[in-house]
Amino acid sequence: MSGVSLKPRAPLEARVDFSGITPAVTCPLTLRELEHLPVPFGTRNVPLAELFFIEGAPDGVLLIEIGDARLDGVGAGMLEGELIVDGDVGAWAGRGMRGGILRIAGDAGDFVGAELAGGRIELAGNAGAHLGGASSGARRGMSGGVLKVGGSAGARAAERQRGGLIIVDGDAGEGLATGMIAGTVSVGGAIGPLLGRGMKRGTVFAREVPALAAGFVDTGTHDLIALRLLARRVPELAPILDGRTQARRLVGDTLMGGQGEVLVPA
C-alpha cells in the first residue's frame, strides 16, 4: 500500500501514543499488516484496526481523517513522506523529526516540534507550551527544520533552541527563547514577559519591543541591508520584515554573557 488513510472508529477513550506510526512505517505495509500493527492505547497495546478504519491514500501520505487531542506523538521521529491530520492532536507532535512534512489542521498540545532536527511542521491552530523546545532531560531543543504556527504559542517556546526557524503568526507566551543557543524565531503578535532569559545567541523578530529579561541592552535603530536578502531567502519572514531594512536591535542576555538579538523592524 503506497499511502494510508486512518479514520477513528469512535472518539478515543484513552491517550494513544502515535510516535511509532509514520509514513516510513505505514506506507510499505499491506492492509493486513497495518491492521495488526500494535499501538499503545492507555495502559495496553491494541491493534491499529481496533482504533481506526484503514484505507488507501496518495503515495507517501499518512492521513488521519479526524484528529483528537488524545493523539500524542503524531509525526514523532518522522524521516520522510507527509503526515496530514484533519483536526487536533495531543502533546509531542513532531518530536525529533528529521525529515518529511507534518500538517495539522487544528490545535496541538505541549512540546510541538521538541528537538526537531529537520523537515517541516505546519500547525494551523494554537500550540501549547515548549514549542520547538527541549523535552524533560534533554539539553537542547530544536536544531533544524521549519516550525510554522498559524495561531498562538504557549509559554517557553524556543527554549534552548539551537537551530532552525520558528514562525508564530499569533501571540507567544512568557519566557520565549529562554536559554536560546542559536536559530531564528518570528512572532507576529504580542509576546509575553521575560523574553530571552539566559539567551546566548540567535535572533527573535518581533512586531514591537517586548518585555525583555533584565540583561538586554537597547542598541538603537540600525540600517540592516541584510534583512532584505533574508526576506528573499526565507519567504516565511517576508510578512514581518515587509521590505524594511531598518530595525531596532536589543542584545542579550548580557547577564549571562549572551549576544542574542531581538530585532523590531522599524
Protein backbone atom coordinates (compact mmCIF):
# COMPACT_ATOMS: atom_id res chain seq x y z
CA MET A 1 0.00 0.00 0.00
CA SER A 2 1.58 3.31 -1.08
CA GLY A 3 -0.40 5.63 1.19
CA VAL A 4 -2.64 5.19 4.21
CA SER A 5 -5.80 6.88 5.48
CA LEU A 6 -6.89 6.36 9.10
CA LYS A 7 -10.37 7.25 10.35
CA PRO A 8 -11.17 6.76 14.05
CA ARG A 9 -13.88 4.20 14.71
CA ALA A 10 -15.08 6.25 17.71
CA PRO A 11 -13.89 9.11 19.92
CA LEU A 12 -10.80 7.97 21.80
CA GLU A 13 -11.41 6.99 25.43
CA ALA A 14 -7.72 6.94 26.41
CA ARG A 15 -4.48 8.50 25.22
CA VAL A 16 -2.77 6.99 22.18
CA ASP A 17 1.00 7.03 21.71
CA PHE A 18 1.26 7.54 17.96
CA SER A 19 5.02 8.10 17.91
CA GLY A 20 5.82 4.89 16.05
CA ILE A 21 3.25 5.45 13.29
CA THR A 22 4.89 7.42 10.46
CA PRO A 23 4.70 7.26 6.65
CA ALA A 24 8.02 5.40 6.54
CA VAL A 25 6.43 2.70 8.72
CA THR A 26 2.89 2.51 7.32
CA CYS A 27 3.29 3.06 3.59
CA PRO A 28 5.33 -0.11 2.84
CA LEU A 29 2.91 -2.35 4.76
CA THR A 30 -0.05 -4.29 3.41
CA LEU A 31 -3.55 -3.66 4.72
CA ARG A 32 -3.46 -6.84 6.80
CA GLU A 33 -0.09 -5.91 8.29
CA LEU A 34 -1.40 -2.46 9.17
CA GLU A 35 -4.48 -3.90 10.84
CA HIS A 36 -2.27 -5.80 13.30
CA LEU A 37 0.24 -3.02 13.92
CA PRO A 38 0.40 -2.57 17.73
CA VAL A 39 -0.38 0.87 19.17
CA PRO A 40 -0.09 1.93 22.85
CA PHE A 41 -3.62 2.81 23.99
CA GLY A 42 -3.97 3.81 27.61
CA THR A 43 -2.22 1.08 29.65
CA ARG A 44 -2.22 -1.59 26.95
CA ASN A 45 -1.29 -2.20 23.32
CA VAL A 46 -4.05 -2.72 20.77
CA PRO A 47 -4.07 -3.45 17.02
CA LEU A 48 -4.32 -0.31 14.87
CA ALA A 49 -7.53 -1.65 13.31
CA GLU A 50 -9.21 -1.63 16.74
CA LEU A 51 -9.00 2.16 16.77
CA PHE A 52 -9.13 3.13 13.08
CA PHE A 53 -10.73 2.23 9.77
CA ILE A 54 -7.79 1.78 7.36
CA GLU A 55 -7.92 2.71 3.67
CA GLY A 56 -5.55 3.74 0.88
CA ALA A 57 -4.26 7.26 0.26
CA PRO A 58 -1.90 9.02 -2.22
CA ASP A 59 1.69 7.82 -2.40
CA GLY A 60 3.84 8.65 0.60
CA VAL A 61 0.95 10.12 2.61
CA LEU A 62 -0.38 9.11 6.01
CA LEU A 63 -3.73 10.81 6.59
CA ILE A 64 -5.61 10.95 9.89
CA GLU A 65 -9.10 11.97 8.83
CA ILE A 66 -10.35 13.10 12.23
CA GLY A 67 -7.87 14.39 14.79
CA ASP A 68 -8.14 14.04 18.57
CA ALA A 69 -6.42 15.84 21.45
CA ARG A 70 -5.61 12.38 22.90
CA LEU A 71 -3.37 11.50 19.95
CA ASP A 72 0.13 12.04 21.34
CA GLY A 73 3.41 11.87 19.41
CA VAL A 74 1.86 12.35 15.97
CA GLY A 75 4.72 12.60 13.50
CA ALA A 76 7.38 11.99 16.16
CA GLY A 77 10.59 10.70 14.61
CA MET A 78 9.43 11.23 11.01
CA LEU A 79 12.13 10.81 8.38
CA GLU A 80 10.22 11.25 5.13
CA GLY A 81 6.80 11.50 3.50
CA GLU A 82 3.82 13.58 4.54
CA LEU A 83 1.56 13.17 7.56
CA ILE A 84 -1.70 15.14 7.49
CA VAL A 85 -4.11 15.49 10.41
CA ASP A 86 -7.59 16.90 9.86
CA GLY A 87 -8.15 18.21 13.37
CA ASP A 88 -6.40 18.44 16.74
CA VAL A 89 -3.53 16.42 18.17
CA GLY A 90 -2.11 15.97 21.66
CA ALA A 91 1.39 16.51 23.03
CA TRP A 92 4.77 15.77 21.42
CA ALA A 93 3.65 16.25 17.81
CA GLY A 94 6.67 16.11 15.51
CA ARG A 95 9.12 15.42 18.35
CA GLY A 96 12.57 14.60 16.99
CA MET A 97 11.51 14.82 13.33
CA ARG A 98 14.39 14.67 10.86
CA GLY A 99 12.54 14.97 7.58
CA GLY A 100 9.16 15.00 5.85
CA ILE A 101 6.19 17.28 6.36
CA LEU A 102 3.67 17.26 9.20
CA ARG A 103 0.49 19.26 8.60
CA ILE A 104 -2.04 19.69 11.43
CA ALA A 105 -5.33 21.45 10.68
CA GLY A 106 -6.29 22.09 14.33
CA ASP A 107 -4.59 22.76 17.67
CA ALA A 108 -1.76 20.85 19.34
CA GLY A 109 -0.66 20.23 22.92
CA ASP A 110 2.70 20.85 24.59
CA PHE A 111 6.13 20.17 23.10
CA VAL A 112 5.23 20.50 19.40
CA GLY A 113 8.46 20.05 17.45
CA ALA A 114 10.53 19.35 20.55
CA GLU A 115 14.09 18.57 19.43
CA LEU A 116 13.07 18.97 15.76
CA ALA A 117 16.16 18.31 13.62
CA GLY A 118 14.77 18.55 10.09
CA GLY A 119 11.63 18.60 7.98
CA ARG A 120 8.68 20.94 8.29
CA ILE A 121 5.74 21.23 10.69
CA GLU A 122 2.72 23.35 9.76
CA LEU A 123 0.19 23.83 12.56
CA ALA A 124 -2.93 25.78 11.59
CA GLY A 125 -4.19 26.35 15.15
CA ASN A 126 -2.61 27.02 18.53
CA ALA A 127 0.32 25.26 20.19
CA GLY A 128 0.78 24.52 23.89
CA ALA A 129 3.90 25.21 25.93
CA HIS A 130 7.50 24.44 24.92
CA LEU A 131 7.03 24.79 21.16
CA GLY A 132 10.29 23.74 19.49
CA GLY A 133 11.87 23.38 22.92
CA ALA A 134 13.69 20.71 24.87
CA SER A 135 11.79 17.85 26.48
CA SER A 136 12.43 16.80 30.06
CA GLY A 137 16.01 15.62 30.43
CA ALA A 138 17.13 16.99 27.04
CA ARG A 139 19.90 19.59 26.99
CA ARG A 140 18.89 21.23 23.72
CA GLY A 141 15.71 21.93 21.83
CA MET A 142 15.03 22.29 18.12
CA SER A 143 18.19 22.19 15.96
CA GLY A 144 16.88 22.38 12.39
CA GLY A 145 13.84 22.42 10.11
CA VAL A 146 10.88 24.79 9.99
CA LEU A 147 8.06 25.04 12.53
CA LYS A 148 5.16 27.27 11.46
CA VAL A 149 2.19 28.05 13.73
CA GLY A 150 -0.86 29.82 12.34
CA GLY A 151 -2.28 30.60 15.79
CA SER A 152 -0.56 31.34 19.08
CA ALA A 153 2.08 29.52 21.13
CA GLY A 154 2.16 28.88 24.88
CA ALA A 155 4.89 29.55 27.41
CA ARG A 156 8.61 28.98 26.81
CA ALA A 157 8.55 28.47 23.05
CA ALA A 158 12.02 28.05 21.51
CA GLU A 159 13.52 27.11 24.88
CA ARG A 160 17.15 26.06 24.35
CA GLN A 161 16.65 26.23 20.59
CA ARG A 162 19.92 25.76 18.73
CA GLY A 163 18.90 25.98 15.06
CA GLY A 164 16.08 26.08 12.55
CA LEU A 165 13.21 28.52 12.09
CA ILE A 166 10.07 29.03 14.19
CA ILE A 167 7.26 31.22 12.83
CA VAL A 168 4.32 32.10 15.09
CA ASP A 169 1.65 34.18 13.36
CA GLY A 170 -0.20 34.92 16.61
CA ASP A 171 0.96 35.58 20.16
CA ALA A 172 3.71 33.87 22.16
CA GLY A 173 3.59 33.25 25.91
CA GLU A 174 6.07 34.14 28.65
CA GLY A 175 9.67 33.02 28.53
CA LEU A 176 10.06 32.91 24.75
CA ALA A 177 13.62 31.94 23.72
CA THR A 178 14.68 31.05 27.27
CA GLY A 179 18.26 29.75 27.08
CA MET A 180 18.25 30.06 23.28
CA ILE A 181 21.55 28.94 21.74
CA ALA A 182 21.00 29.69 18.03
CA GLY A 183 18.30 29.75 15.35
CA THR A 184 15.56 32.19 14.38
CA VAL A 185 12.10 32.94 15.79
CA SER A 186 9.48 35.31 14.38
CA VAL A 187 6.33 36.31 16.27
CA GLY A 188 3.56 38.23 14.53
CA GLY A 189 1.50 39.06 17.63
CA ALA A 190 2.12 40.00 21.25
CA ILE A 191 4.94 38.43 23.26
CA GLY A 192 4.70 37.60 26.96
CA PRO A 193 7.20 38.75 29.60
CA LEU A 194 10.77 37.56 30.20
CA LEU A 195 11.73 37.06 26.57
CA GLY A 196 15.27 35.81 26.15
CA ARG A 197 16.18 34.98 29.74
CA GLY A 198 19.57 33.22 29.55
CA MET A 199 19.69 33.72 25.76
CA LYS A 200 23.16 33.07 24.32
CA ARG A 201 22.76 33.68 20.60
CA GLY A 202 20.07 33.54 17.94
CA THR A 203 17.57 36.04 16.56
CA VAL A 204 13.99 36.87 17.54
CA PHE A 205 11.87 39.08 15.26
CA ALA A 206 9.04 40.97 16.97
CA ARG A 207 6.37 43.45 15.83
CA GLU A 208 7.05 45.73 18.80
CA VAL A 209 9.55 45.92 21.64
CA PRO A 210 8.55 43.15 24.09
CA ALA A 211 9.04 42.82 27.85
CA LEU A 212 12.61 41.52 27.90
CA ALA A 213 14.66 39.80 30.56
CA ALA A 214 16.79 42.19 32.63
CA GLY A 215 20.05 41.52 30.80
CA PHE A 216 19.11 43.11 27.46
CA VAL A 217 20.70 46.29 26.10
CA ASP A 218 18.94 48.54 23.57
CA THR A 219 21.49 49.44 20.89
CA GLY A 220 19.10 51.67 18.94
CA THR A 221 17.87 51.52 15.34
CA HIS A 222 20.20 50.22 12.64
CA ASP A 223 20.09 50.03 8.86
CA LEU A 224 20.46 46.31 8.19
CA ILE A 225 20.59 45.72 4.44
CA ALA A 226 20.92 42.01 5.11
CA LEU A 227 17.25 41.95 6.15
CA ARG A 228 16.18 42.41 2.53
CA LEU A 229 18.29 39.46 1.46
CA LEU A 230 16.97 37.43 4.38
CA ALA A 231 13.36 38.07 3.34
CA ARG A 232 14.13 36.73 -0.12
CA ARG A 233 16.00 33.72 1.16
CA VAL A 234 13.44 32.86 3.87
CA PRO A 235 9.94 33.67 2.49
CA GLU A 236 8.33 32.95 5.88
CA LEU A 237 9.99 36.10 7.26
CA ALA A 238 8.76 38.40 4.48
CA PRO A 239 5.48 39.38 6.24
CA ILE A 240 7.18 40.69 9.39
CA LEU A 241 10.05 42.35 7.51
CA ASP A 242 7.73 43.84 4.87
CA GLY A 243 10.62 45.06 2.74
CA ARG A 244 12.12 47.12 5.57
CA THR A 245 15.85 47.24 6.30
CA GLN A 246 15.82 49.33 9.48
CA ALA A 247 15.30 47.60 12.80
CA ARG A 248 15.67 48.36 16.47
CA ARG A 249 18.22 45.94 17.91
CA LEU A 250 18.27 44.73 21.50
CA VAL A 251 21.13 42.47 22.60
CA GLY A 252 21.29 39.96 25.48
CA ASP A 253 21.15 38.18 27.79
CA THR A 254 24.28 40.13 28.80
CA LEU A 255 23.94 38.95 32.41
CA MET A 256 24.80 35.50 31.09
CA GLY A 257 27.41 36.74 28.60
CA GLY A 258 24.90 36.25 25.77
CA GLN A 259 24.90 38.00 22.40
CA GLY A 260 21.44 37.08 21.15
CA GLU A 261 19.36 39.70 19.41
CA VAL A 262 15.79 40.86 19.29
CA LEU A 263 15.01 42.77 16.10
CA VAL A 264 11.96 45.03 15.77
CA PRO A 265 11.63 46.19 12.12
CA ALA A 266 11.09 49.95 12.02
